[in-house]
Amino acid sequence: MLFRSSQEILSILKRERFIKDFKFIEDKKQGILRVYLKYTKTGDPAVKGLRKISRPGLRIYVKKDKIPTVLGGLGIAILSTSRGLVTNIQAKEMQTGGEVLCYVW
């Protein structure tokens, strides 16, 4: 379950162009997720920051009218909703709230 949500988060980061790609590598245990980071032409990383919001001891939930924006729209928030993992922009379009997992900028 946790591993599946990690793949979903990585697919969101790839779709939003924060990472280049990711790959699941099969091994005899639980498997490995290899993430290929994306860099600008000057060599700066595409991901400037990542902030975990919800944690096991303190879950942060927002209603549909309180969905956060990250750095004035330059970053994204990843939310867990009843319709799956989505970005803050998608959650606003779907008119649904959920648990705020992290901010990425």
C-alpha atoms as a PDB file:
ATOM      1  CA  MET A   1       0.000   0.000   0.000  1.00  0.00           C
ATOM      2  CA  LEU A   2       2.691   2.477   0.991  1.00  0.00           C
ATOM      3  CA  PHE A   3       4.839   1.460  -1.979  1.00  0.00           C
ATOM      4  CA  ARG A   4       1.948   2.012  -4.405  1.00  0.00           C
ATOM      5  CA  SER A   5       1.402   5.543  -3.080  1.00  0.00           C
ATOM      6  CA  SER A   6       5.131   6.241  -3.555  1.00  0.00           C
ATOM      7  CA  GLN A   7       4.782   5.318  -7.227  1.00  0.00           C
ATOM      8  CA  GLU A   8       1.722   7.565  -7.531  1.00  0.00           C
ATOM      9  CA  ILE A   9       3.606  10.502  -5.979  1.00  0.00           C
ATOM     10  CA  LEU A  10       6.506   9.929  -8.372  1.00  0.00           C
ATOM     11  CA  SER A  11       4.152   9.817 -11.358  1.00  0.00           C
ATOM     12  CA  ILE A  12       2.709  13.175 -10.266  1.00  0.00           C
ATOM     13  CA  LEU A  13       6.215  14.626  -9.940  1.00  0.00           C
ATOM     14  CA  LYS A  14       7.066  13.326 -13.423  1.00  0.00           C
ATOM     15  CA  ARG A  15       3.860  14.709 -14.940  1.00  0.00           C
ATOM     16  CA  GLU A  16       4.511  18.100 -13.330  1.00  0.00           C
ATOM     17  CA  ARG A  17       8.128  17.981 -14.626  1.00  0.00           C
ATOM     18  CA  PHE A  18       9.909  17.955 -11.287  1.00  0.00           C
ATOM     19  CA  ILE A  19      11.749  14.701 -12.060  1.00  0.00           C
ATOM     20  CA  LYS A  20      12.960  13.191 -15.330  1.00  0.00           C
ATOM     21  CA  ASP A  21      11.762   9.628 -14.778  1.00  0.00           C
ATOM     22  CA  PHE A  22      11.513   6.787 -12.278  1.00  0.00           C
ATOM     23  CA  LYS A  23      11.787   3.041 -12.565  1.00  0.00           C
ATOM     24  CA  PHE A  24      10.784   0.086 -10.437  1.00  0.00           C
ATOM     25  CA  ILE A  25      13.620  -2.411 -10.088  1.00  0.00           C
ATOM     26  CA  GLU A  26      12.578  -5.924  -9.107  1.00  0.00           C
ATOM     27  CA  ASP A  27      14.668  -7.720  -6.489  1.00  0.00           C
ATOM     28  CA  LYS A  28      14.060 -10.660  -4.193  1.00  0.00           C
ATOM     29  CA  LYS A  29      12.777  -8.406  -1.398  1.00  0.00           C
ATOM     30  CA  GLN A  30      10.460  -5.415  -1.684  1.00  0.00           C
ATOM     31  CA  GLY A  31      11.810  -3.828  -4.862  1.00  0.00           C
ATOM     32  CA  ILE A  32      13.619  -0.552  -5.471  1.00  0.00           C
ATOM     33  CA  LEU A  33      12.351   2.733  -6.872  1.00  0.00           C
ATOM     34  CA  ARG A  34      15.098   4.485  -8.822  1.00  0.00           C
ATOM     35  CA  VAL A  35      14.413   8.190  -9.401  1.00  0.00           C
ATOM     36  CA  TYR A  36      16.163  10.102 -12.171  1.00  0.00           C
ATOM     37  CA  LEU A  37      16.378  13.734 -11.117  1.00  0.00           C
ATOM     38  CA  LYS A  38      15.927  16.615 -13.506  1.00  0.00           C
ATOM     39  CA  TYR A  39      18.374  19.531 -13.754  1.00  0.00           C
ATOM     40  CA  THR A  40      18.290  22.894 -15.522  1.00  0.00           C
ATOM     41  CA  LYS A  41      20.834  23.926 -18.154  1.00  0.00           C
ATOM     42  CA  THR A  42      22.876  25.671 -15.453  1.00  0.00           C
ATOM     43  CA  GLY A  43      23.009  22.490 -13.373  1.00  0.00           C
ATOM     44  CA  ASP A  44      20.492  23.528 -10.713  1.00  0.00           C
ATOM     45  CA  PRO A  45      18.032  20.855  -9.576  1.00  0.00           C
ATOM     46  CA  ALA A  46      14.417  21.166 -10.714  1.00  0.00           C
ATOM     47  CA  VAL A  47      13.210  20.370  -7.188  1.00  0.00           C
ATOM     48  CA  LYS A  48      14.237  23.295  -4.998  1.00  0.00           C
ATOM     49  CA  GLY A  49      12.382  22.100  -1.943  1.00  0.00           C
ATOM     50  CA  LEU A  50      10.095  19.437  -0.562  1.00  0.00           C
ATOM     51  CA  ARG A  51       8.143  19.729   2.660  1.00  0.00           C
ATOM     52  CA  LYS A  52       6.213  16.901   4.282  1.00  0.00           C
ATOM     53  CA  ILE A  53       2.972  18.228   5.773  1.00  0.00           C
ATOM     54  CA  SER A  54       0.941  15.317   7.164  1.00  0.00           C
ATOM     55  CA  ARG A  55       2.636  12.798   9.377  1.00  0.00           C
ATOM     56  CA  PRO A  56       1.370   9.816  11.358  1.00  0.00           C
ATOM     57  CA  GLY A  57       0.991  11.819  14.578  1.00  0.00           C
ATOM     58  CA  LEU A  58      -0.658  14.841  12.964  1.00  0.00           C
ATOM     59  CA  ARG A  59      -2.794  14.509   9.848  1.00  0.00           C
ATOM     60  CA  ILE A  60      -3.612  17.774   8.042  1.00  0.00           C
ATOM     61  CA  TYR A  61      -6.942  17.817   6.197  1.00  0.00           C
ATOM     62  CA  VAL A  62      -8.364  20.679   4.128  1.00  0.00           C
ATOM     63  CA  LYS A  63     -11.806  21.370   2.738  1.00  0.00           C
ATOM     64  CA  LYS A  64     -12.346  22.183  -0.925  1.00  0.00           C
ATOM     65  CA  ASP A  65     -12.342  25.953  -0.306  1.00  0.00           C
ATOM     66  CA  LYS A  66      -9.112  25.871   1.768  1.00  0.00           C
ATOM     67  CA  ILE A  67      -6.800  24.040  -0.681  1.00  0.00           C
ATOM     68  CA  PRO A  68      -3.324  25.602  -0.354  1.00  0.00           C
ATOM     69  CA  THR A  69      -1.258  27.213  -3.099  1.00  0.00           C
ATOM     70  CA  VAL A  70       2.515  26.783  -2.956  1.00  0.00           C
ATOM     71  CA  LEU A  71       4.774  29.794  -3.612  1.00  0.00           C
ATOM     72  CA  GLY A  72       2.043  31.677  -5.402  1.00  0.00           C
ATOM     73  CA  GLY A  73       1.455  28.860  -7.882  1.00  0.00           C
ATOM     74  CA  LEU A  74       5.123  28.071  -8.631  1.00  0.00           C
ATOM     75  CA  GLY A  75       4.992  24.822  -6.650  1.00  0.00           C
ATOM     76  CA  ILE A  76       2.443  22.098  -6.061  1.00  0.00           C
ATOM     77  CA  ALA A  77       0.763  20.484  -3.097  1.00  0.00           C
ATOM     78  CA  ILE A  78      -0.001  16.769  -3.294  1.00  0.00           C
ATOM     79  CA  LEU A  79      -3.275  15.746  -1.677  1.00  0.00           C
ATOM     80  CA  SER A  80      -4.774  12.371  -0.906  1.00  0.00           C
ATOM     81  CA  THR A  81      -8.459  12.545  -1.786  1.00  0.00           C
ATOM     82  CA  SER A  82     -11.275  10.044  -2.101  1.00  0.00           C
ATOM     83  CA  ARG A  83     -10.453  10.005  -5.840  1.00  0.00           C
ATOM     84  CA  GLY A  84      -6.771   9.198  -5.349  1.00  0.00           C
ATOM     85  CA  LEU A  85      -3.593  11.284  -5.158  1.00  0.00           C
ATOM     86  CA  VAL A  86      -3.883  14.618  -6.966  1.00  0.00           C
ATOM     87  CA  THR A  87      -2.218  18.031  -7.093  1.00  0.00           C
ATOM     88  CA  ASN A  88      -3.763  21.106  -5.514  1.00  0.00           C
ATOM     89  CA  ILE A  89      -4.795  22.359  -8.974  1.00  0.00           C
ATOM     90  CA  GLN A  90      -6.607  19.112  -9.791  1.00  0.00           C
ATOM     91  CA  ALA A  91      -8.307  19.095  -6.380  1.00  0.00           C
ATOM     92  CA  LYS A  92      -9.612  22.627  -6.986  1.00  0.00           C
ATOM     93  CA  GLU A  93     -10.967  21.580 -10.403  1.00  0.00           C
ATOM     94  CA  MET A  94     -12.632  18.484  -8.901  1.00  0.00           C
ATOM     95  CA  GLN A  95     -14.031  20.566  -6.002  1.00  0.00           C
ATOM     96  CA  THR A  96     -12.762  18.103  -3.392  1.00  0.00           C
ATOM     97  CA  GLY A  97     -10.649  18.364  -0.277  1.00  0.00           C
ATOM     98  CA  GLY A  98      -8.406  15.822   1.366  1.00  0.00           C
ATOM     99  CA  GLU A  99      -5.226  15.181   3.321  1.00  0.00           C
ATOM    100  CA  VAL A 100      -2.274  17.403   2.401  1.00  0.00           C
ATOM    101  CA  LEU A 101       0.739  15.108   2.035  1.00  0.00           C
ATOM    102  CA  CYS A 102       3.524  17.456   0.892  1.00  0.00           C
ATOM    103  CA  TYR A 103       4.562  20.653  -0.874  1.00  0.00           C
ATOM    104  CA  VAL A 104       7.029  20.564  -3.773  1.00  0.00           C
ATOM    105  CA  TRP A 105       8.667  23.622  -5.335  1.00  0.00           C
END
